[in-house]
Amino acid sequence: MNKFVLLLVIIGALNWGIFGLFQIDLIATLFGGASTLPSRIVYTLVGLAGIYAIRYLVGDRETI
């Protein structure tokens, strides 16, 4: 589960980086637009992974 969450957080970070540098939303480009169901699912999963990853910030660093 932790590796899946990390993968989703990395995908989200790369998408934001590409958007910041080139104004290209890679997720929307790959899945046919920002409002399509597949894009919304990916955005939701990335957001949930970010919320889940908060535990790494406030949790015991020895168990990470």
N, C-alpha and C. Protein backbone atom coordinates (compact mmCIF):
# COMPACT_ATOMS: atom_id res chain seq x y z
N MET A 1 0.83 -1.20 0.00
CA MET A 1 0.00 0.00 0.00
C MET A 1 0.87 1.26 0.00
N ASN A 2 1.93 1.24 0.79
CA ASN A 2 2.78 2.43 0.87
C ASN A 2 3.46 2.75 -0.47
N LYS A 3 3.88 1.72 -1.19
CA LYS A 3 4.52 1.97 -2.49
C LYS A 3 3.51 2.50 -3.51
N PHE A 4 2.27 2.02 -3.43
CA PHE A 4 1.22 2.52 -4.32
C PHE A 4 0.94 3.99 -4.04
N VAL A 5 0.86 4.34 -2.76
CA VAL A 5 0.65 5.73 -2.36
C VAL A 5 1.81 6.59 -2.84
N LEU A 6 3.03 6.12 -2.64
CA LEU A 6 4.20 6.87 -3.09
C LEU A 6 4.17 7.06 -4.61
N LEU A 7 3.80 6.03 -5.35
CA LEU A 7 3.70 6.14 -6.80
C LEU A 7 2.68 7.20 -7.20
N LEU A 8 1.53 7.21 -6.55
CA LEU A 8 0.51 8.21 -6.88
C LEU A 8 0.97 9.63 -6.53
N VAL A 9 1.65 9.78 -5.42
CA VAL A 9 2.17 11.10 -5.04
C VAL A 9 3.21 11.57 -6.06
N ILE A 10 4.05 10.66 -6.52
CA ILE A 10 5.05 11.00 -7.54
C ILE A 10 4.36 11.39 -8.85
N ILE A 11 3.34 10.65 -9.24
CA ILE A 11 2.59 11.00 -10.46
C ILE A 11 1.99 12.40 -10.33
N GLY A 12 1.40 12.68 -9.18
CA GLY A 12 0.82 14.01 -8.96
C GLY A 12 1.88 15.10 -9.00
N ALA A 13 3.02 14.84 -8.38
CA ALA A 13 4.09 15.84 -8.37
C ALA A 13 4.64 16.09 -9.77
N LEU A 14 4.82 15.02 -10.52
CA LEU A 14 5.30 15.18 -11.90
C LEU A 14 4.28 15.93 -12.75
N ASN A 15 3.01 15.63 -12.55
CA ASN A 15 1.97 16.33 -13.31
C ASN A 15 1.99 17.83 -12.99
N TRP A 16 2.12 18.17 -11.71
CA TRP A 16 2.19 19.59 -11.34
C TRP A 16 3.46 20.25 -11.87
N GLY A 17 4.57 19.52 -11.85
CA GLY A 17 5.81 20.08 -12.38
C GLY A 17 5.73 20.35 -13.87
N ILE A 18 5.18 19.40 -14.61
CA ILE A 18 5.01 19.59 -16.05
C ILE A 18 4.04 20.73 -16.32
N PHE A 19 2.99 20.79 -15.52
CA PHE A 19 2.03 21.89 -15.71
C PHE A 19 2.68 23.24 -15.40
N GLY A 20 3.47 23.29 -14.35
CA GLY A 20 4.14 24.54 -13.99
C GLY A 20 5.14 25.01 -15.02
N LEU A 21 5.86 24.07 -15.60
CA LEU A 21 6.88 24.43 -16.58
C LEU A 21 6.33 24.66 -17.98
N PHE A 22 5.39 23.82 -18.39
CA PHE A 22 4.95 23.84 -19.79
C PHE A 22 3.46 24.09 -19.98
N GLN A 23 2.72 24.25 -18.89
CA GLN A 23 1.27 24.43 -18.90
C GLN A 23 0.57 23.29 -19.64
N ILE A 24 1.07 22.08 -19.41
CA ILE A 24 0.46 20.87 -19.98
C ILE A 24 0.01 19.99 -18.83
N ASP A 25 -1.27 19.70 -18.77
CA ASP A 25 -1.80 18.79 -17.76
C ASP A 25 -1.69 17.38 -18.34
N LEU A 26 -0.66 16.66 -17.94
CA LEU A 26 -0.36 15.36 -18.53
C LEU A 26 -1.49 14.36 -18.30
N ILE A 27 -2.09 14.38 -17.11
CA ILE A 27 -3.20 13.46 -16.82
C ILE A 27 -4.36 13.73 -17.77
N ALA A 28 -4.72 14.99 -17.92
CA ALA A 28 -5.82 15.35 -18.82
C ALA A 28 -5.48 14.99 -20.26
N THR A 29 -4.24 15.19 -20.65
CA THR A 29 -3.82 14.86 -22.01
C THR A 29 -3.91 13.36 -22.27
N LEU A 30 -3.48 12.57 -21.30
CA LEU A 30 -3.49 11.12 -21.48
C LEU A 30 -4.90 10.52 -21.45
N PHE A 31 -5.81 11.15 -20.69
CA PHE A 31 -7.12 10.56 -20.48
C PHE A 31 -8.26 11.34 -21.14
N GLY A 32 -7.95 12.23 -22.07
CA GLY A 32 -8.99 12.86 -22.87
C GLY A 32 -9.64 14.10 -22.29
N GLY A 33 -8.98 14.76 -21.37
CA GLY A 33 -9.51 15.99 -20.81
C GLY A 33 -9.64 15.90 -19.30
N ALA A 34 -9.62 17.07 -18.67
CA ALA A 34 -9.64 17.12 -17.20
C ALA A 34 -10.97 16.68 -16.61
N SER A 35 -12.03 16.78 -17.36
CA SER A 35 -13.35 16.47 -16.79
C SER A 35 -13.84 15.07 -17.14
N THR A 36 -13.01 14.28 -17.82
CA THR A 36 -13.43 12.91 -18.13
C THR A 36 -13.34 12.04 -16.88
N LEU A 37 -14.10 10.98 -16.86
CA LEU A 37 -14.14 10.10 -15.70
C LEU A 37 -12.76 9.50 -15.36
N PRO A 38 -12.00 9.00 -16.34
CA PRO A 38 -10.68 8.47 -15.99
C PRO A 38 -9.75 9.52 -15.36
N SER A 39 -9.77 10.73 -15.89
CA SER A 39 -8.95 11.79 -15.31
C SER A 39 -9.39 12.10 -13.90
N ARG A 40 -10.68 12.20 -13.69
CA ARG A 40 -11.19 12.50 -12.35
C ARG A 40 -10.85 11.40 -11.36
N ILE A 41 -10.84 10.15 -11.82
CA ILE A 41 -10.45 9.04 -10.94
C ILE A 41 -8.98 9.18 -10.55
N VAL A 42 -8.12 9.47 -11.53
CA VAL A 42 -6.69 9.63 -11.23
C VAL A 42 -6.48 10.81 -10.29
N TYR A 43 -7.12 11.94 -10.56
CA TYR A 43 -6.99 13.11 -9.68
C TYR A 43 -7.43 12.77 -8.26
N THR A 44 -8.53 12.04 -8.14
CA THR A 44 -9.05 11.66 -6.82
C THR A 44 -8.08 10.74 -6.11
N LEU A 45 -7.55 9.75 -6.82
CA LEU A 45 -6.60 8.83 -6.21
C LEU A 45 -5.32 9.55 -5.77
N VAL A 46 -4.85 10.47 -6.59
CA VAL A 46 -3.66 11.25 -6.22
C VAL A 46 -3.95 12.10 -4.98
N GLY A 47 -5.11 12.70 -4.93
CA GLY A 47 -5.48 13.50 -3.76
C GLY A 47 -5.58 12.66 -2.51
N LEU A 48 -6.20 11.49 -2.60
CA LEU A 48 -6.30 10.59 -1.45
C LEU A 48 -4.92 10.10 -1.02
N ALA A 49 -4.05 9.84 -1.99
CA ALA A 49 -2.69 9.43 -1.66
C ALA A 49 -1.95 10.55 -0.93
N GLY A 50 -2.18 11.77 -1.34
CA GLY A 50 -1.56 12.91 -0.65
C GLY A 50 -2.03 13.01 0.79
N ILE A 51 -3.32 12.79 1.00
CA ILE A 51 -3.86 12.83 2.36
C ILE A 51 -3.25 11.69 3.18
N TYR A 52 -3.19 10.51 2.59
CA TYR A 52 -2.59 9.35 3.28
C TYR A 52 -1.12 9.60 3.60
N ALA A 53 -0.40 10.28 2.70
CA ALA A 53 1.03 10.53 2.88
C ALA A 53 1.31 11.53 3.98
N ILE A 54 0.32 12.25 4.43
CA ILE A 54 0.52 13.19 5.54
C ILE A 54 1.04 12.45 6.76
N ARG A 55 0.66 11.20 6.90
CA ARG A 55 1.13 10.44 8.06
C ARG A 55 2.65 10.31 8.08
N TYR A 56 3.30 10.34 6.92
CA TYR A 56 4.75 10.30 6.87
C TYR A 56 5.36 11.59 7.44
N LEU A 57 4.65 12.68 7.28
CA LEU A 57 5.12 13.96 7.77
C LEU A 57 5.02 14.05 9.29
N VAL A 58 3.94 13.54 9.84
CA VAL A 58 3.70 13.68 11.28
C VAL A 58 3.94 12.39 12.06
N GLY A 59 4.19 11.28 11.36
CA GLY A 59 4.35 9.99 12.01
C GLY A 59 5.76 9.76 12.50
N ASP A 60 5.97 8.60 13.09
CA ASP A 60 7.27 8.18 13.58
C ASP A 60 8.18 7.88 12.40
N ARG A 61 9.25 8.59 12.27
CA ARG A 61 10.14 8.46 11.11
C ARG A 61 10.90 7.14 11.11
N GLU A 62 10.97 6.45 12.22
CA GLU A 62 11.68 5.18 12.28
C GLU A 62 10.92 4.07 11.57
N THR A 63 9.59 4.21 11.44
CA THR A 63 8.78 3.15 10.85
C THR A 63 8.52 3.37 9.36
N ILE A 64 9.05 4.43 8.80
CA ILE A 64 8.80 4.75 7.39
C ILE A 64 9.77 4.00 6.51
